[in-house]
Amino acid sequence: MTQIALPLGWPADPRDDAFLVTPSNVRAAQTLEHWATWPVMTAILTGPRKSGRSLLARIFAAKSGGTIIDDAERVPEAQLFHAWNQAQEEQKPLLIVADAAPPEWKVKLPDLRSRLAASPIAAIGAPDDELMRLLLAHLFERRNVDARPDLIDWLASRIERSHITVTRTVDALDQETMERRKRLSINLARTTLTEAGLILRPQLALDLPLFTSP
């Protein structure tokens, strides 16, 4: 699936010009885009940290006129309960953003737990191959770091498949190129990321020669 910039058509923040859509998050984006079909006026958006879930939530609020409760696990359950009821009374969509949905999210208040169980879930998954490459390219471009396609492919096949690791990888390489005043290369990336512990150990074998001289 190709990149779709701003699937809901609204730049939520001038610094965030796109929510990148691939198979790993397309169902979440579609669920929020079609909020009028929800069985209740509240949904739960879940996803890993740095997955763009807050950006997607802000786009949703701007397009739907709804409200957001972010980091919901840190919000008093009584407040969430009243917000859920208010959304139904006013017929104004509410999006609750959390790390995970119940039962993984341990909700103690029975009435809130039953209401959340009736709410649709929009889940952002771990990044797929396409999103790994798109995120790396997008973040390097925002930092004005020249990262060639072969370097992007090399990184995507060697770092952990997670949003936060992509961010840490770009942070580390951006800092290294600024400090050394060198162009980003595979050799520089290999050294920097190995020292930072960001390259997966099984993949290191891919960089070693098949045969060695006696």
Protein backbone atom coordinates (compact mmCIF):
# COMPACT_ATOMS: atom_id res chain seq x y z
CA MET A 1 0.00 0.00 0.00
CA THR A 2 1.34 3.41 -0.89
CA GLN A 3 1.76 6.36 1.42
CA ILE A 4 -1.31 8.48 2.10
CA ALA A 5 -0.52 11.84 3.61
CA LEU A 6 -3.03 13.14 6.10
CA PRO A 7 -5.72 10.50 5.46
CA LEU A 8 -8.32 12.68 7.16
CA GLY A 9 -7.19 15.77 5.30
CA TRP A 10 -6.20 18.06 8.15
CA PRO A 11 -2.76 19.19 9.36
CA ALA A 12 -3.17 18.99 13.11
CA ASP A 13 0.16 20.64 13.87
CA PRO A 14 2.37 22.72 11.55
CA ARG A 15 5.35 20.60 12.60
CA ASP A 16 3.56 17.34 11.69
CA ASP A 17 2.70 17.43 8.02
CA ALA A 18 1.63 13.83 7.52
CA PHE A 19 0.30 10.73 9.19
CA LEU A 20 1.82 7.94 7.13
CA VAL A 21 -0.63 5.16 6.34
CA THR A 22 0.38 1.58 5.55
CA PRO A 23 -1.28 -1.79 6.27
CA SER A 24 -0.05 -1.61 9.88
CA ASN A 25 -2.30 1.35 10.70
CA VAL A 26 -4.80 1.73 7.87
CA ARG A 27 -7.66 0.08 9.80
CA ALA A 28 -7.19 2.50 12.69
CA ALA A 29 -7.27 5.48 10.33
CA GLN A 30 -10.39 4.16 8.59
CA THR A 31 -12.17 3.52 11.89
CA LEU A 32 -11.68 7.13 12.91
CA GLU A 33 -12.58 8.48 9.51
CA HIS A 34 -15.93 6.67 9.65
CA TRP A 35 -16.83 7.72 13.18
CA ALA A 36 -20.47 8.28 12.20
CA THR A 37 -20.87 4.50 11.92
CA TRP A 38 -19.68 3.76 15.46
CA PRO A 39 -22.23 1.83 17.54
CA VAL A 40 -21.62 4.34 20.35
CA MET A 41 -20.18 7.85 20.33
CA THR A 42 -16.88 6.75 21.89
CA ALA A 43 -13.93 4.80 20.51
CA ILE A 44 -10.56 3.73 21.88
CA LEU A 45 -7.37 4.43 19.92
CA THR A 46 -4.43 2.26 20.94
CA GLY A 47 -0.88 2.02 19.72
CA PRO A 48 2.76 2.03 20.74
CA ARG A 49 4.47 5.20 21.87
CA LYS A 50 5.77 7.32 18.96
CA SER A 51 3.31 5.58 16.62
CA GLY A 52 1.59 8.84 15.66
CA ARG A 53 -1.51 8.03 17.70
CA SER A 54 -1.75 11.53 19.22
CA LEU A 55 -1.37 13.10 15.77
CA LEU A 56 -4.08 10.84 14.37
CA ALA A 57 -6.31 11.73 17.33
CA ARG A 58 -5.85 15.46 16.72
CA ILE A 59 -6.67 15.01 13.03
CA PHE A 60 -9.79 13.12 14.06
CA ALA A 61 -10.88 15.88 16.46
CA ALA A 62 -10.32 18.59 13.85
CA LYS A 63 -12.39 16.75 11.25
CA SER A 64 -15.18 15.40 13.43
CA GLY A 65 -15.55 18.21 15.96
CA GLY A 66 -15.12 15.61 18.66
CA THR A 67 -13.01 15.55 21.78
CA ILE A 68 -9.94 13.59 22.85
CA ILE A 69 -8.72 12.15 26.11
CA ASP A 70 -5.04 11.27 25.67
CA ASP A 71 -2.98 9.04 27.99
CA ALA A 72 -6.27 7.78 29.36
CA GLU A 73 -4.65 5.39 31.82
CA ARG A 74 -3.51 8.44 33.80
CA VAL A 75 -6.98 10.00 33.92
CA PRO A 76 -9.27 9.26 36.92
CA GLU A 77 -11.73 6.55 35.97
CA ALA A 78 -14.69 8.57 37.24
CA GLN A 79 -13.73 11.35 34.79
CA LEU A 80 -13.59 8.87 31.91
CA PHE A 81 -16.96 7.45 32.94
CA HIS A 82 -18.64 10.87 32.89
CA ALA A 83 -16.96 11.79 29.60
CA TRP A 84 -18.24 8.57 27.99
CA ASN A 85 -21.80 9.30 29.17
CA GLN A 86 -21.60 12.93 28.07
CA ALA A 87 -20.53 11.92 24.57
CA GLN A 88 -23.66 9.76 24.24
CA GLU A 89 -25.94 12.46 25.59
CA GLU A 90 -24.55 15.18 23.33
CA GLN A 91 -23.96 12.84 20.36
CA LYS A 92 -20.48 14.31 20.06
CA PRO A 93 -17.73 11.77 19.35
CA LEU A 94 -15.13 11.08 22.01
CA LEU A 95 -11.80 9.39 21.31
CA ILE A 96 -9.96 7.80 24.23
CA VAL A 97 -6.25 7.30 23.52
CA ALA A 98 -4.46 4.61 25.52
CA ASP A 99 -1.55 2.19 25.35
CA ALA A 100 -3.96 -0.75 25.22
CA ALA A 101 -7.66 -1.53 25.48
CA PRO A 102 -9.34 -3.56 28.24
CA PRO A 103 -8.80 -6.21 29.46
CA GLU A 104 -5.09 -5.48 29.02
CA TRP A 105 -5.88 -2.01 30.35
CA LYS A 106 -6.92 -2.88 33.91
CA VAL A 107 -10.02 -0.75 34.52
CA LYS A 108 -11.31 -1.08 38.07
CA LEU A 109 -14.64 0.76 37.81
CA PRO A 110 -17.21 -1.84 36.60
CA ASP A 111 -19.51 0.70 34.92
CA LEU A 112 -16.61 2.21 32.98
CA ARG A 113 -15.31 -1.23 32.06
CA SER A 114 -18.66 -2.22 30.55
CA ARG A 115 -18.88 1.02 28.57
CA LEU A 116 -15.38 0.67 27.18
CA ALA A 117 -16.20 -2.91 26.18
CA ALA A 118 -19.00 -1.52 23.99
CA SER A 119 -16.68 0.99 22.30
CA PRO A 120 -14.97 0.23 18.97
CA ILE A 121 -11.20 -0.07 19.03
CA ALA A 122 -8.84 1.50 16.50
CA ALA A 123 -5.49 -0.24 16.95
CA ILE A 124 -2.18 0.91 15.47
CA GLY A 125 0.15 -2.05 15.09
CA ALA A 126 3.91 -2.36 15.00
CA PRO A 127 5.34 -0.79 11.84
CA ASP A 128 5.54 -2.97 8.76
CA ASP A 129 8.40 -2.90 6.24
CA GLU A 130 6.84 -0.10 4.23
CA LEU A 131 6.19 2.09 7.24
CA MET A 132 9.70 1.52 8.61
CA ARG A 133 11.15 2.93 5.40
CA LEU A 134 8.65 5.77 5.16
CA LEU A 135 9.24 6.82 8.77
CA LEU A 136 13.01 6.75 8.42
CA ALA A 137 12.89 8.80 5.23
CA HIS A 138 10.35 11.23 6.69
CA LEU A 139 12.30 11.84 9.91
CA PHE A 140 15.64 12.22 8.14
CA GLU A 141 14.06 14.74 5.76
CA ARG A 142 12.69 16.76 8.68
CA ARG A 143 16.21 16.87 10.17
CA ASN A 144 17.71 17.84 6.81
CA VAL A 145 19.88 14.72 6.88
CA ASP A 146 20.76 13.29 3.48
CA ALA A 147 19.80 9.62 3.70
CA ARG A 148 19.96 7.68 0.45
CA PRO A 149 17.48 4.89 -0.35
CA ASP A 150 20.15 2.18 0.08
CA LEU A 151 20.88 3.48 3.59
CA ILE A 152 17.16 3.50 4.42
CA ASP A 153 16.87 -0.12 3.27
CA TRP A 154 19.96 -1.08 5.29
CA LEU A 155 18.58 0.51 8.46
CA ALA A 156 15.07 -0.90 8.05
CA SER A 157 16.42 -4.46 7.91
CA ARG A 158 18.68 -4.11 10.95
CA ILE A 159 16.91 -2.16 13.67
CA GLU A 160 14.07 -3.30 15.88
CA ARG A 161 10.66 -3.03 14.23
CA SER A 162 9.21 -0.37 16.50
CA HIS A 163 8.26 3.29 16.20
CA ILE A 164 10.38 4.37 19.14
CA THR A 165 13.48 2.61 17.78
CA VAL A 166 13.07 4.43 14.47
CA THR A 167 13.02 7.74 16.36
CA ARG A 168 16.05 6.80 18.47
CA THR A 169 17.93 5.69 15.38
CA VAL A 170 17.36 8.98 13.59
CA ASP A 171 18.24 10.93 16.75
CA ALA A 172 21.53 9.05 17.13
CA LEU A 173 22.56 9.42 13.49
CA ASP A 174 21.53 13.06 13.31
CA GLN A 175 23.66 13.86 16.36
CA GLU A 176 26.62 11.85 15.07
CA THR A 177 26.66 13.54 11.67
CA MET A 178 26.47 16.98 13.29
CA GLU A 179 29.28 16.24 15.73
CA ARG A 180 31.58 14.66 13.16
CA ARG A 181 30.46 16.94 10.34
CA LYS A 182 30.40 13.93 8.07
CA ARG A 183 27.91 12.74 5.51
CA LEU A 184 25.73 9.88 6.68
CA SER A 185 26.90 6.55 5.29
CA ILE A 186 26.28 2.88 5.99
CA ASN A 187 29.69 2.57 7.65
CA LEU A 188 29.00 5.51 9.93
CA ALA A 189 25.52 4.17 10.71
CA ARG A 190 26.91 0.70 11.48
CA THR A 191 29.47 2.08 13.94
CA THR A 192 27.10 4.53 15.61
CA LEU A 193 24.17 2.17 16.01
CA THR A 194 26.30 -0.76 17.16
CA GLU A 195 27.76 1.40 19.92
CA ALA A 196 24.26 2.62 20.83
CA GLY A 197 22.91 -0.95 20.94
CA LEU A 198 20.31 -0.21 18.27
CA ILE A 199 21.29 -2.89 15.76
CA LEU A 200 19.70 -6.27 16.31
CA ARG A 201 22.40 -8.84 17.08
CA PRO A 202 21.14 -11.57 14.68
CA GLN A 203 21.35 -9.10 11.81
CA LEU A 204 25.00 -8.34 12.46
CA ALA A 205 25.87 -11.55 10.64
CA LEU A 206 24.59 -9.96 7.45
CA ASP A 207 27.48 -7.50 7.57
CA LEU A 208 30.18 -10.16 7.97
CA PRO A 209 31.96 -11.80 5.01
CA LEU A 210 30.91 -15.35 4.20
CA PHE A 211 34.50 -16.55 4.28
CA THR A 212 37.59 -15.38 6.12
CA SER A 213 41.24 -15.86 5.24
CA PRO A 214 43.26 -18.23 7.45
